[in-house]
């Protein structure tokens, strides 16, 4: 809560759509900037001018950063779960790659045989 009594509430159960990604990226950038600023010692001028408000902003930025990291981890986990649900596992990717290599090798062998056959004519 800020000194004036206002506060920002984050709904932890809210879903994030692809449309929210630009906003989320901005929030992450702001949170990183705030975290860097919070790690720097306060100057006398800052303490005189901003005082409690600066402390409240820094505290809230830390909370937003923690929540953003948690939501990012949740999104990554959901993405991995969905990829696995659709069969996009490392094993499936390896099998697909082997299949593609095999097909390319077959095409290359056929093309090579065609070239040899044409040169013999």
PDB file of N, CA and C in Angstrom:
ATOM      1  N   UNK A   1       0.842  -1.167   0.000  1.00  0.00           N
ATOM      2  CA  UNK A   1       0.000   0.000   0.000  1.00  0.00           C
ATOM      3  C   UNK A   1       0.892   1.237   0.000  1.00  0.00           C
ATOM      4  N   UNK A   2       0.482   2.247  -0.768  1.00  0.00           N
ATOM      5  CA  UNK A   2       1.210   3.496  -0.846  1.00  0.00           C
ATOM      6  C   UNK A   2       0.807   4.394   0.321  1.00  0.00           C
ATOM      7  N   UNK A   3       1.643   5.388   0.658  1.00  0.00           N
ATOM      8  CA  UNK A   3       1.329   6.268   1.784  1.00  0.00           C
ATOM      9  C   UNK A   3      -0.033   6.953   1.676  1.00  0.00           C
ATOM     10  N   UNK A   4      -0.510   7.195   0.450  1.00  0.00           N
ATOM     11  CA  UNK A   4      -1.812   7.856   0.300  1.00  0.00           C
ATOM     12  C   UNK A   4      -2.985   6.897   0.463  1.00  0.00           C
ATOM     13  N   UNK A   5      -2.699   5.619   0.731  1.00  0.00           N
ATOM     14  CA  UNK A   5      -3.753   4.634   0.943  1.00  0.00           C
ATOM     15  C   UNK A   5      -4.125   3.849  -0.290  1.00  0.00           C
ATOM     16  N   UNK A   6      -3.613   4.246  -1.460  1.00  0.00           N
ATOM     17  CA  UNK A   6      -3.933   3.515  -2.686  1.00  0.00           C
ATOM     18  C   UNK A   6      -3.055   2.271  -2.785  1.00  0.00           C
ATOM     19  N   UNK A   7      -3.507   1.311  -3.589  1.00  0.00           N
ATOM     20  CA  UNK A   7      -2.728   0.102  -3.797  1.00  0.00           C
ATOM     21  C   UNK A   7      -3.040  -0.498  -5.154  1.00  0.00           C
ATOM     22  N   UNK A   8      -2.130  -1.347  -5.613  1.00  0.00           N
ATOM     23  CA  UNK A   8      -2.307  -2.064  -6.867  1.00  0.00           C
ATOM     24  C   UNK A   8      -2.536  -3.518  -6.514  1.00  0.00           C
ATOM     25  N   UNK A   9      -3.567  -4.119  -7.095  1.00  0.00           N
ATOM     26  CA  UNK A   9      -3.898  -5.509  -6.794  1.00  0.00           C
ATOM     27  C   UNK A   9      -3.631  -6.347  -8.031  1.00  0.00           C
ATOM     28  N   UNK A  10      -2.912  -7.465  -7.859  1.00  0.00           N
ATOM     29  CA  UNK A  10      -2.634  -8.384  -8.957  1.00  0.00           C
ATOM     30  C   UNK A  10      -3.458  -9.639  -8.725  1.00  0.00           C
ATOM     31  N   UNK A  11      -4.230 -10.029  -9.735  1.00  0.00           N
ATOM     32  CA  UNK A  11      -5.035 -11.243  -9.649  1.00  0.00           C
ATOM     33  C   UNK A  11      -4.164 -12.424 -10.066  1.00  0.00           C
ATOM     34  N   UNK A  12      -3.742 -13.282  -9.123  1.00  0.00           N
ATOM     35  CA  UNK A  12      -2.844 -14.386  -9.469  1.00  0.00           C
ATOM     36  C   UNK A  12      -3.498 -15.448 -10.356  1.00  0.00           C
ATOM     37  N   UNK A  13      -4.835 -15.455 -10.417  1.00  0.00           N
ATOM     38  CA  UNK A  13      -5.529 -16.455 -11.228  1.00  0.00           C
ATOM     39  C   UNK A  13      -5.878 -15.952 -12.620  1.00  0.00           C
ATOM     40  N   UNK A  14      -5.517 -14.721 -12.926  1.00  0.00           N
ATOM     41  CA  UNK A  14      -5.837 -14.151 -14.234  1.00  0.00           C
ATOM     42  C   UNK A  14      -5.039 -14.859 -15.319  1.00  0.00           C
ATOM     43  N   UNK A  15      -5.679 -15.095 -16.449  1.00  0.00           N
ATOM     44  CA  UNK A  15      -5.019 -15.713 -17.591  1.00  0.00           C
ATOM     45  C   UNK A  15      -4.320 -14.632 -18.410  1.00  0.00           C
ATOM     46  N   UNK A  16      -3.191 -14.965 -19.014  1.00  0.00           N
ATOM     47  CA  UNK A  16      -2.463 -14.022 -19.858  1.00  0.00           C
ATOM     48  C   UNK A  16      -2.614 -14.472 -21.300  1.00  0.00           C
ATOM     49  N   UNK A  17      -3.155 -13.591 -22.139  1.00  0.00           N
ATOM     50  CA  UNK A  17      -3.313 -13.920 -23.557  1.00  0.00           C
ATOM     51  C   UNK A  17      -2.118 -13.384 -24.332  1.00  0.00           C
ATOM     52  N   UNK A  18      -2.045 -13.765 -25.596  1.00  0.00           N
ATOM     53  CA  UNK A  18      -0.940 -13.273 -26.426  1.00  0.00           C
ATOM     54  C   UNK A  18      -1.007 -11.756 -26.582  1.00  0.00           C
ATOM     55  N   UNK A  19      -2.206 -11.181 -26.450  1.00  0.00           N
ATOM     56  CA  UNK A  19      -2.347  -9.729 -26.550  1.00  0.00           C
ATOM     57  C   UNK A  19      -1.715  -9.024 -25.357  1.00  0.00           C
ATOM     58  N   UNK A  20      -1.625  -9.728 -24.234  1.00  0.00           N
ATOM     59  CA  UNK A  20      -1.041  -9.147 -23.031  1.00  0.00           C
ATOM     60  C   UNK A  20       0.478  -9.186 -23.050  1.00  0.00           C
ATOM     61  N   UNK A  21       1.073  -9.888 -24.001  1.00  0.00           N
ATOM     62  CA  UNK A  21       2.518 -10.113 -23.958  1.00  0.00           C
ATOM     63  C   UNK A  21       3.309  -8.819 -24.068  1.00  0.00           C
ATOM     64  N   UNK A  22       2.861  -7.861 -24.882  1.00  0.00           N
ATOM     65  CA  UNK A  22       3.585  -6.590 -24.991  1.00  0.00           C
ATOM     66  C   UNK A  22       3.512  -5.830 -23.678  1.00  0.00           C
ATOM     67  N   UNK A  23       2.347  -5.848 -23.074  1.00  0.00           N
ATOM     68  CA  UNK A  23       2.194  -5.185 -21.782  1.00  0.00           C
ATOM     69  C   UNK A  23       3.066  -5.870 -20.739  1.00  0.00           C
ATOM     70  N   UNK A  24       3.053  -7.205 -20.738  1.00  0.00           N
ATOM     71  CA  UNK A  24       3.850  -7.960 -19.780  1.00  0.00           C
ATOM     72  C   UNK A  24       5.331  -7.671 -19.979  1.00  0.00           C
ATOM     73  N   UNK A  25       5.768  -7.568 -21.225  1.00  0.00           N
ATOM     74  CA  UNK A  25       7.160  -7.242 -21.502  1.00  0.00           C
ATOM     75  C   UNK A  25       7.511  -5.860 -20.940  1.00  0.00           C
ATOM     76  N   UNK A  26       6.613  -4.909 -21.081  1.00  0.00           N
ATOM     77  CA  UNK A  26       6.822  -3.577 -20.508  1.00  0.00           C
ATOM     78  C   UNK A  26       6.903  -3.618 -18.994  1.00  0.00           C
ATOM     79  N   UNK A  27       6.028  -4.410 -18.384  1.00  0.00           N
ATOM     80  CA  UNK A  27       6.036  -4.543 -16.926  1.00  0.00           C
ATOM     81  C   UNK A  27       7.344  -5.177 -16.463  1.00  0.00           C
ATOM     82  N   UNK A  28       7.781  -6.206 -17.185  1.00  0.00           N
ATOM     83  CA  UNK A  28       9.050  -6.858 -16.824  1.00  0.00           C
ATOM     84  C   UNK A  28      10.198  -5.857 -16.945  1.00  0.00           C
ATOM     85  N   UNK A  29      10.214  -5.079 -18.032  1.00  0.00           N
ATOM     86  CA  UNK A  29      11.261  -4.076 -18.205  1.00  0.00           C
ATOM     87  C   UNK A  29      11.248  -3.042 -17.092  1.00  0.00           C
ATOM     88  N   UNK A  30      10.054  -2.578 -16.743  1.00  0.00           N
ATOM     89  CA  UNK A  30       9.937  -1.603 -15.649  1.00  0.00           C
ATOM     90  C   UNK A  30      10.373  -2.214 -14.329  1.00  0.00           C
ATOM     91  N   UNK A  31       9.998  -3.473 -14.113  1.00  0.00           N
ATOM     92  CA  UNK A  31      10.380  -4.139 -12.869  1.00  0.00           C
ATOM     93  C   UNK A  31      11.892  -4.321 -12.790  1.00  0.00           C
ATOM     94  N   UNK A  32      12.516  -4.656 -13.914  1.00  0.00           N
ATOM     95  CA  UNK A  32      13.977  -4.800 -13.925  1.00  0.00           C
ATOM     96  C   UNK A  32      14.627  -3.458 -13.617  1.00  0.00           C
ATOM     97  N   UNK A  33      14.143  -2.404 -14.266  1.00  0.00           N
ATOM     98  CA  UNK A  33      14.675  -1.062 -14.004  1.00  0.00           C
ATOM     99  C   UNK A  33      14.491  -0.664 -12.548  1.00  0.00           C
ATOM    100  N   UNK A  34      13.321  -0.967 -12.007  1.00  0.00           N
ATOM    101  CA  UNK A  34      13.063  -0.635 -10.606  1.00  0.00           C
ATOM    102  C   UNK A  34      13.963  -1.441  -9.675  1.00  0.00           C
ATOM    103  N   UNK A  35      14.190  -2.712 -10.034  1.00  0.00           N
ATOM    104  CA  UNK A  35      15.061  -3.548  -9.204  1.00  0.00           C
ATOM    105  C   UNK A  35      16.490  -3.011  -9.211  1.00  0.00           C
ATOM    106  N   UNK A  36      16.947  -2.567 -10.371  1.00  0.00           N
ATOM    107  CA  UNK A  36      18.295  -1.984 -10.463  1.00  0.00           C
ATOM    108  C   UNK A  36      18.358  -0.708  -9.631  1.00  0.00           C
ATOM    109  N   UNK A  37      17.342   0.138  -9.782  1.00  0.00           N
ATOM    110  CA  UNK A  37      17.312   1.395  -9.027  1.00  0.00           C
ATOM    111  C   UNK A  37      17.241   1.121  -7.526  1.00  0.00           C
ATOM    112  N   UNK A  38      16.467   0.108  -7.143  1.00  0.00           N
ATOM    113  CA  UNK A  38      16.321  -0.213  -5.720  1.00  0.00           C
ATOM    114  C   UNK A  38      17.621  -0.739  -5.125  1.00  0.00           C
ATOM    115  N   UNK A  39      18.469  -1.310  -5.968  1.00  0.00           N
ATOM    116  CA  UNK A  39      19.721  -1.859  -5.452  1.00  0.00           C
ATOM    117  C   UNK A  39      20.778  -0.781  -5.230  1.00  0.00           C
ATOM    118  N   UNK A  40      20.518   0.408  -5.741  1.00  0.00           N
ATOM    119  CA  UNK A  40      21.472   1.513  -5.588  1.00  0.00           C
ATOM    120  C   UNK A  40      21.166   2.251  -4.286  1.00  0.00           C
ATOM    121  N   UNK A  41      22.209   2.750  -3.619  1.00  0.00           N
ATOM    122  CA  UNK A  41      21.958   3.476  -2.373  1.00  0.00           C
ATOM    123  C   UNK A  41      21.209   4.784  -2.650  1.00  0.00           C
ATOM    124  N   UNK A  42      20.335   5.147  -1.732  1.00  0.00           N
ATOM    125  CA  UNK A  42      19.567   6.383  -1.874  1.00  0.00           C
ATOM    126  C   UNK A  42      20.457   7.584  -1.589  1.00  0.00           C
ATOM    127  N   UNK A  43      20.237   8.634  -2.357  1.00  0.00           N
ATOM    128  CA  UNK A  43      20.992   9.863  -2.128  1.00  0.00           C
ATOM    129  C   UNK A  43      20.263  10.706  -1.078  1.00  0.00           C
ATOM    130  N   UNK A  44      20.967  11.692  -0.527  1.00  0.00           N
ATOM    131  CA  UNK A  44      20.338  12.595   0.437  1.00  0.00           C
ATOM    132  C   UNK A  44      19.183  13.356  -0.210  1.00  0.00           C
ATOM    133  N   UNK A  45      19.393  13.758  -1.470  1.00  0.00           N
ATOM    134  CA  UNK A  45      18.341  14.495  -2.180  1.00  0.00           C
ATOM    135  C   UNK A  45      17.103  13.624  -2.355  1.00  0.00           C
ATOM    136  N   UNK A  46      17.306  12.360  -2.702  1.00  0.00           N
ATOM    137  CA  UNK A  46      16.165  11.448  -2.872  1.00  0.00           C
ATOM    138  C   UNK A  46      15.431  11.288  -1.555  1.00  0.00           C
ATOM    139  N   UNK A  47      16.163  11.101  -0.490  1.00  0.00           N
ATOM    140  CA  UNK A  47      15.524  10.935   0.813  1.00  0.00           C
ATOM    141  C   UNK A  47      14.724  12.171   1.201  1.00  0.00           C
ATOM    142  N   UNK A  48      15.263  13.377   0.920  1.00  0.00           N
ATOM    143  CA  UNK A  48      14.551  14.616   1.255  1.00  0.00           C
ATOM    144  C   UNK A  48      13.308  14.787   0.388  1.00  0.00           C
ATOM    145  N   UNK A  49      13.446  14.522  -0.928  1.00  0.00           N
ATOM    146  CA  UNK A  49      12.351  14.803  -1.853  1.00  0.00           C
ATOM    147  C   UNK A  49      11.288  13.708  -1.900  1.00  0.00           C
ATOM    148  N   UNK A  50      11.719  12.470  -1.856  1.00  0.00           N
ATOM    149  CA  UNK A  50      10.780  11.369  -2.078  1.00  0.00           C
ATOM    150  C   UNK A  50      10.427  10.614  -0.800  1.00  0.00           C
ATOM    151  N   UNK A  51      11.384  10.425   0.065  1.00  0.00           N
ATOM    152  CA  UNK A  51      11.148   9.804   1.366  1.00  0.00           C
ATOM    153  C   UNK A  51      10.331   8.526   1.316  1.00  0.00           C
ATOM    154  N   UNK A  52       9.189   8.568   1.992  1.00  0.00           N
ATOM    155  CA  UNK A  52       8.338   7.380   2.129  1.00  0.00           C
ATOM    156  C   UNK A  52       7.776   6.914   0.789  1.00  0.00           C
ATOM    157  N   UNK A  53       7.484   7.854  -0.098  1.00  0.00           N
ATOM    158  CA  UNK A  53       6.931   7.477  -1.406  1.00  0.00           C
ATOM    159  C   UNK A  53       7.935   6.638  -2.177  1.00  0.00           C
ATOM    160  N   UNK A  54       9.203   7.025  -2.153  1.00  0.00           N
ATOM    161  CA  UNK A  54      10.233   6.247  -2.849  1.00  0.00           C
ATOM    162  C   UNK A  54      10.333   4.852  -2.256  1.00  0.00           C
ATOM    163  N   UNK A  55      10.275   4.769  -0.937  1.00  0.00           N
ATOM    164  CA  UNK A  55      10.341   3.458  -0.289  1.00  0.00           C
ATOM    165  C   UNK A  55       9.151   2.591  -0.694  1.00  0.00           C
ATOM    166  N   UNK A  56       7.962   3.204  -0.726  1.00  0.00           N
ATOM    167  CA  UNK A  56       6.759   2.454  -1.103  1.00  0.00           C
ATOM    168  C   UNK A  56       6.842   1.980  -2.548  1.00  0.00           C
ATOM    169  N   UNK A  57       7.331   2.845  -3.440  1.00  0.00           N
ATOM    170  CA  UNK A  57       7.468   2.468  -4.853  1.00  0.00           C
ATOM    171  C   UNK A  57       8.468   1.325  -4.990  1.00  0.00           C
ATOM    172  N   UNK A  58       9.582   1.411  -4.288  1.00  0.00           N
ATOM    173  CA  UNK A  58      10.588   0.340  -4.345  1.00  0.00           C
ATOM    174  C   UNK A  58      10.018  -0.970  -3.814  1.00  0.00           C
ATOM    175  N   UNK A  59       9.297  -0.905  -2.714  1.00  0.00           N
ATOM    176  CA  UNK A  59       8.693  -2.118  -2.158  1.00  0.00           C
ATOM    177  C   UNK A  59       7.700  -2.732  -3.140  1.00  0.00           C
ATOM    178  N   UNK A  60       6.867  -1.872  -3.724  1.00  0.00           N
ATOM    179  CA  UNK A  60       5.849  -2.371  -4.668  1.00  0.00           C
ATOM    180  C   UNK A  60       6.511  -2.937  -5.916  1.00  0.00           C
ATOM    181  N   UNK A  61       7.585  -2.289  -6.379  1.00  0.00           N
ATOM    182  CA  UNK A  61       8.306  -2.800  -7.552  1.00  0.00           C
ATOM    183  C   UNK A  61       8.867  -4.187  -7.260  1.00  0.00           C
ATOM    184  N   UNK A  62       9.361  -4.388  -6.058  1.00  0.00           N
ATOM    185  CA  UNK A  62       9.850  -5.713  -5.683  1.00  0.00           C
ATOM    186  C   UNK A  62       8.741  -6.749  -5.698  1.00  0.00           C
ATOM    187  N   UNK A  63       7.559  -6.358  -5.206  1.00  0.00           N
ATOM    188  CA  UNK A  63       6.411  -7.276  -5.218  1.00  0.00           C
ATOM    189  C   UNK A  63       5.993  -7.607  -6.651  1.00  0.00           C
ATOM    190  N   UNK A  64       5.937  -6.572  -7.496  1.00  0.00           N
ATOM    191  CA  UNK A  64       5.556  -6.789  -8.906  1.00  0.00           C
ATOM    192  C   UNK A  64       6.577  -7.694  -9.586  1.00  0.00           C
ATOM    193  N   UNK A  65       7.863  -7.494  -9.306  1.00  0.00           N
ATOM    194  CA  UNK A  65       8.908  -8.320  -9.896  1.00  0.00           C
ATOM    195  C   UNK A  65       8.730  -9.783  -9.490  1.00  0.00           C
ATOM    196  N   UNK A  66       8.478 -10.030  -8.217  1.00  0.00           N
ATOM    197  CA  UNK A  66       8.276 -11.405  -7.745  1.00  0.00           C
ATOM    198  C   UNK A  66       7.061 -12.034  -8.425  1.00  0.00           C
ATOM    199  N   UNK A  67       5.974 -11.265  -8.519  1.00  0.00           N
ATOM    200  CA  UNK A  67       4.762 -11.783  -9.151  1.00  0.00           C
ATOM    201  C   UNK A  67       4.986 -12.032 -10.633  1.00  0.00           C
ATOM    202  N   UNK A  68       5.727 -11.145 -11.297  1.00  0.00           N
ATOM    203  CA  UNK A  68       6.016 -11.312 -12.717  1.00  0.00           C
ATOM    204  C   UNK A  68       6.855 -12.564 -12.942  1.00  0.00           C
ATOM    205  N   UNK A  69       7.846 -12.789 -12.092  1.00  0.00           N
ATOM    206  CA  UNK A  69       8.661 -14.009 -12.210  1.00  0.00           C
ATOM    207  C   UNK A  69       7.800 -15.256 -12.004  1.00  0.00           C
ATOM    208  N   UNK A  70       6.891 -15.206 -11.019  1.00  0.00           N
ATOM    209  CA  UNK A  70       6.031 -16.358 -10.759  1.00  0.00           C
ATOM    210  C   UNK A  70       5.116 -16.630 -11.952  1.00  0.00           C
ATOM    211  N   UNK A  71       4.541 -15.571 -12.505  1.00  0.00           N
ATOM    212  CA  UNK A  71       3.640 -15.749 -13.649  1.00  0.00           C
ATOM    213  C   UNK A  71       4.401 -16.229 -14.874  1.00  0.00           C
ATOM    214  N   UNK A  72       5.622 -15.713 -15.053  1.00  0.00           N
ATOM    215  CA  UNK A  72       6.452 -16.186 -16.161  1.00  0.00           C
ATOM    216  C   UNK A  72       6.757 -17.662 -16.040  1.00  0.00           C
ATOM    217  N   UNK A  73       7.080 -18.099 -14.828  1.00  0.00           N
ATOM    218  CA  UNK A  73       7.349 -19.524 -14.600  1.00  0.00           C
ATOM    219  C   UNK A  73       6.091 -20.347 -14.857  1.00  0.00           C
ATOM    220  N   UNK A  74       4.932 -19.828 -14.438  1.00  0.00           N
ATOM    221  CA  UNK A  74       3.671 -20.535 -14.691  1.00  0.00           C
ATOM    222  C   UNK A  74       3.398 -20.656 -16.183  1.00  0.00           C
ATOM    223  N   UNK A  75       3.632 -19.558 -16.928  1.00  0.00           N
ATOM    224  CA  UNK A  75       3.416 -19.594 -18.379  1.00  0.00           C
ATOM    225  C   UNK A  75       4.354 -20.585 -19.052  1.00  0.00           C
ATOM    226  N   UNK A  76       5.612 -20.597 -18.628  1.00  0.00           N
ATOM    227  CA  UNK A  76       6.574 -21.532 -19.210  1.00  0.00           C
ATOM    228  C   UNK A  76       6.139 -22.964 -18.930  1.00  0.00           C
ATOM    229  N   UNK A  77       5.696 -23.207 -17.717  1.00  0.00           N
ATOM    230  CA  UNK A  77       5.244 -24.551 -17.352  1.00  0.00           C
ATOM    231  C   UNK A  77       4.028 -24.965 -18.172  1.00  0.00           C
ATOM    232  N   UNK A  78       3.077 -24.035 -18.331  1.00  0.00           N
ATOM    233  CA  UNK A  78       1.889 -24.336 -19.139  1.00  0.00           C
ATOM    234  C   UNK A  78       2.275 -24.595 -20.587  1.00  0.00           C
ATOM    235  N   UNK A  79       3.232 -23.819 -21.096  1.00  0.00           N
ATOM    236  CA  UNK A  79       3.691 -24.016 -22.474  1.00  0.00           C
ATOM    237  C   UNK A  79       4.333 -25.375 -22.659  1.00  0.00           C
ATOM    238  N   UNK A  80       5.161 -25.781 -21.709  1.00  0.00           N
ATOM    239  CA  UNK A  80       5.791 -27.104 -21.791  1.00  0.00           C
ATOM    240  C   UNK A  80       4.756 -28.213 -21.690  1.00  0.00           C
ATOM    241  N   UNK A  81       3.781 -28.027 -20.795  1.00  0.00           N
ATOM    242  CA  UNK A  81       2.717 -29.029 -20.668  1.00  0.00           C
ATOM    243  C   UNK A  81       1.924 -29.155 -21.967  1.00  0.00           C
ATOM    244  N   UNK A  82       1.607 -28.012 -22.594  1.00  0.00           N
ATOM    245  CA  UNK A  82       0.850 -28.037 -23.841  1.00  0.00           C
ATOM    246  C   UNK A  82       1.667 -28.681 -24.958  1.00  0.00           C
ATOM    247  N   UNK A  83       2.959 -28.363 -25.021  1.00  0.00           N
ATOM    248  CA  UNK A  83       3.821 -28.967 -26.038  1.00  0.00           C
ATOM    249  C   UNK A  83       3.850 -30.485 -25.859  1.00  0.00           C
ATOM    250  N   UNK A  84       3.958 -30.927 -24.628  1.00  0.00           N
ATOM    251  CA  UNK A  84       3.980 -32.368 -24.371  1.00  0.00           C
ATOM    252  C   UNK A  84       2.632 -32.997 -24.714  1.00  0.00           C
ATOM    253  N   UNK A  85       1.539 -32.293 -24.391  1.00  0.00           N
ATOM    254  CA  UNK A  85       0.197 -32.797 -24.698  1.00  0.00           C
ATOM    255  C   UNK A  85       0.035 -32.990 -26.199  1.00  0.00           C
ATOM    256  N   UNK A  86       0.660 -32.125 -26.986  1.00  0.00           N
ATOM    257  CA  UNK A  86       0.555 -32.222 -28.435  1.00  0.00           C
ATOM    258  C   UNK A  86       1.617 -33.138 -29.036  1.00  0.00           C
ATOM    259  N   UNK A  87       2.380 -33.801 -28.168  1.00  0.00           N
ATOM    260  CA  UNK A  87       3.380 -34.744 -28.660  1.00  0.00           C
ATOM    261  C   UNK A  87       4.679 -34.086 -29.061  1.00  0.00           C
ATOM    262  N   UNK A  88       4.898 -32.855 -28.644  1.00  0.00           N
ATOM    263  CA  UNK A  88       6.113 -32.141 -29.001  1.00  0.00           C
ATOM    264  C   UNK A  88       7.173 -32.347 -27.917  1.00  0.00           C
ATOM    265  N   UNK A  89       7.583 -33.592 -27.763  1.00  0.00           N
ATOM    266  CA  UNK A  89       8.600 -33.921 -26.774  1.00  0.00           C
ATOM    267  C   UNK A  89       9.963 -33.990 -27.453  1.00  0.00           C
ATOM    268  N   UNK A  90      11.004 -34.064 -26.656  1.00  0.00           N
ATOM    269  CA  UNK A  90      12.353 -34.189 -27.204  1.00  0.00           C
ATOM    270  C   UNK A  90      12.477 -35.471 -28.030  1.00  0.00           C
ATOM    271  N   UNK A  91      11.856 -36.543 -27.542  1.00  0.00           N
ATOM    272  CA  UNK A  91      11.906 -37.813 -28.279  1.00  0.00           C
ATOM    273  C   UNK A  91      11.199 -37.691 -29.619  1.00  0.00           C
ATOM    274  N   UNK A  92      10.031 -37.028 -29.616  1.00  0.00           N
ATOM    275  CA  UNK A  92       9.283 -36.850 -30.870  1.00  0.00           C
ATOM    276  C   UNK A  92      10.070 -35.973 -31.838  1.00  0.00           C
ATOM    277  N   UNK A  93      10.715 -34.929 -31.318  1.00  0.00           N
ATOM    278  CA  UNK A  93      11.523 -34.056 -32.173  1.00  0.00           C
ATOM    279  C   UNK A  93      12.690 -34.835 -32.766  1.00  0.00           C
ATOM    280  N   UNK A  94      13.323 -35.695 -31.963  1.00  0.00           N
ATOM    281  CA  UNK A  94      14.431 -36.514 -32.469  1.00  0.00           C
ATOM    282  C   UNK A  94      13.965 -37.465 -33.549  1.00  0.00           C
ATOM    283  N   UNK A  95      12.819 -38.098 -33.316  1.00  0.00           N
ATOM    284  CA  UNK A  95      12.275 -39.030 -34.315  1.00  0.00           C
ATOM    285  C   UNK A  95      11.937 -38.289 -35.608  1.00  0.00           C
ATOM    286  N   UNK A  96      11.353 -37.086 -35.476  1.00  0.00           N
ATOM    287  CA  UNK A  96      11.021 -36.303 -36.666  1.00  0.00           C
ATOM    288  C   UNK A  96      12.289 -35.905 -37.423  1.00  0.00           C
ATOM    289  N   UNK A  97      13.321 -35.525 -36.681  1.00  0.00           N
ATOM    290  CA  UNK A  97      14.586 -35.146 -37.329  1.00  0.00           C
ATOM    291  C   UNK A  97      15.201 -36.339 -38.053  1.00  0.00           C
ATOM    292  N   UNK A  98      15.172 -37.516 -37.430  1.00  0.00           N
ATOM    293  CA  UNK A  98      15.718 -38.720 -38.079  1.00  0.00           C
ATOM    294  C   UNK A  98      14.916 -39.055 -39.334  1.00  0.00           C
ATOM    295  N   UNK A  99      13.615 -38.880 -39.265  1.00  0.00           N
ATOM    296  CA  UNK A  99      12.767 -39.148 -40.420  1.00  0.00           C
ATOM    297  C   UNK A  99      13.096 -38.188 -41.565  1.00  0.00           C
ATOM    298  N   UNK A 100      13.280 -36.934 -41.236  1.00  0.00           N
ATOM    299  CA  UNK A 100      13.617 -35.940 -42.267  1.00  0.00           C
ATOM    300  C   UNK A 100      14.972 -36.251 -42.887  1.00  0.00           C
ATOM    301  N   UNK A 101      15.951 -36.574 -42.054  1.00  0.00           N
ATOM    302  CA  UNK A 101      17.286 -36.913 -42.561  1.00  0.00           C
ATOM    303  C   UNK A 101      17.200 -38.125 -43.478  1.00  0.00           C
ATOM    304  N   UNK A 102      16.423 -39.112 -43.069  1.00  0.00           N
ATOM    305  CA  UNK A 102      16.262 -40.313 -43.884  1.00  0.00           C
ATOM    306  C   UNK A 102      15.628 -39.969 -45.235  1.00  0.00           C
ATOM    307  N   UNK A 103      14.610 -39.117 -45.221  1.00  0.00           N
ATOM    308  CA  UNK A 103      13.950 -38.732 -46.468  1.00  0.00           C
ATOM    309  C   UNK A 103      14.893 -37.927 -47.363  1.00  0.00           C
ATOM    310  N   UNK A 104      15.640 -37.002 -46.766  1.00  0.00           N
ATOM    311  CA  UNK A 104      16.592 -36.206 -47.548  1.00  0.00           C
ATOM    312  C   UNK A 104      17.656 -37.117 -48.152  1.00  0.00           C
ATOM    313  N   UNK A 105      18.127 -38.077 -47.359  1.00  0.00           N
ATOM    314  CA  UNK A 105      19.131 -39.018 -47.866  1.00  0.00           C
ATOM    315  C   UNK A 105      18.553 -39.829 -49.026  1.00  0.00           C
ATOM    316  N   UNK A 106      17.287 -40.240 -48.909  1.00  0.00           N
ATOM    317  CA  UNK A 106      16.641 -40.984 -49.990  1.00  0.00           C
ATOM    318  C   UNK A 106      16.524 -40.158 -51.259  1.00  0.00           C
ATOM    319  N   UNK A 107      16.137 -38.897 -51.114  1.00  0.00           N
ATOM    320  CA  UNK A 107      16.018 -38.004 -52.271  1.00  0.00           C
ATOM    321  C   UNK A 107      17.393 -37.795 -52.906  1.00  0.00           C
ATOM    322  N   UNK A 108      18.415 -37.573 -52.056  1.00  0.00           N
ATOM    323  CA  UNK A 108      19.774 -37.360 -52.576  1.00  0.00           C
ATOM    324  C   UNK A 108      20.262 -38.604 -53.301  1.00  0.00           C
ATOM    325  N   UNK A 109      19.990 -39.782 -52.760  1.00  0.00           N
ATOM    326  CA  UNK A 109      20.418 -41.027 -53.413  1.00  0.00           C
ATOM    327  C   UNK A 109      19.717 -41.191 -54.750  1.00  0.00           C
ATOM    328  N   UNK A 110      18.424 -40.919 -54.794  1.00  0.00           N
ATOM    329  CA  UNK A 110      17.681 -41.034 -56.051  1.00  0.00           C
ATOM    330  C   UNK A 110      18.220 -40.042 -57.072  1.00  0.00           C
ATOM    331  N   UNK A 111      18.480 -38.808 -56.645  1.00  0.00           N
ATOM    332  CA  UNK A 111      19.014 -37.802 -57.565  1.00  0.00           C
ATOM    333  C   UNK A 111      20.386 -38.239 -58.074  1.00  0.00           C
ATOM    334  N   UNK A 112      21.199 -38.779 -57.195  1.00  0.00           N
ATOM    335  CA  UNK A 112      22.521 -39.266 -57.602  1.00  0.00           C
ATOM    336  C   UNK A 112      22.405 -40.391 -58.606  1.00  0.00           C
ATOM    337  N   UNK A 113      21.495 -41.332 -58.366  1.00  0.00           N
ATOM    338  CA  UNK A 113      21.289 -42.444 -59.291  1.00  0.00           C
ATOM    339  C   UNK A 113      20.792 -41.945 -60.647  1.00  0.00           C
ATOM    340  N   UNK A 114      19.920 -40.941 -60.633  1.00  0.00           N
ATOM    341  CA  UNK A 114      19.420 -40.372 -61.892  1.00  0.00           C
ATOM    342  C   UNK A 114      20.552 -39.739 -62.680  1.00  0.00           C
ATOM    343  N   UNK A 115      21.440 -39.031 -61.981  1.00  0.00           N
ATOM    344  CA  UNK A 115      22.572 -38.399 -62.653  1.00  0.00           C
ATOM    345  C   UNK A 115      23.477 -39.467 -63.265  1.00  0.00           C
ATOM    346  N   UNK A 116      23.760 -40.539 -62.519  1.00  0.00           N
ATOM    347  CA  UNK A 116      24.600 -41.607 -63.023  1.00  0.00           C
ATOM    348  C   UNK A 116      23.934 -42.254 -64.262  1.00  0.00           C
ATOM    349  N   UNK A 117      22.636 -42.510 -64.170  1.00  0.00           N
ATOM    350  CA  UNK A 117      21.918 -43.101 -65.300  1.00  0.00           C
ATOM    351  C   UNK A 117      21.971 -42.198 -66.525  1.00  0.00           C
ATOM    352  N   UNK A 118      21.841 -40.926 -66.382  1.00  0.00           N
ATOM    353  CA  UNK A 118      21.852 -39.991 -67.508  1.00  0.00           C
ATOM    354  C   UNK A 118      23.250 -39.911 -68.140  1.00  0.00           C
ATOM    355  N   UNK A 119      24.256 -39.985 -67.306  1.00  0.00           N
ATOM    356  CA  UNK A 119      25.609 -39.900 -67.874  1.00  0.00           C
ATOM    357  C   UNK A 119      25.989 -41.176 -68.604  1.00  0.00           C
ATOM    358  N   UNK A 120      25.377 -42.274 -68.317  1.00  0.00           N
ATOM    359  CA  UNK A 120      25.669 -43.547 -68.985  1.00  0.00           C
ATOM    360  C   UNK A 120      24.973 -43.619 -70.341  1.00  0.00           C
ATOM    361  N   UNK A 121      23.990 -42.836 -70.595  1.00  0.00           N
ATOM    362  CA  UNK A 121      23.253 -42.897 -71.858  1.00  0.00           C
ATOM    363  C   UNK A 121      24.001 -42.310 -72.961  1.00  0.00           C
TER     364      UNK A 121
END
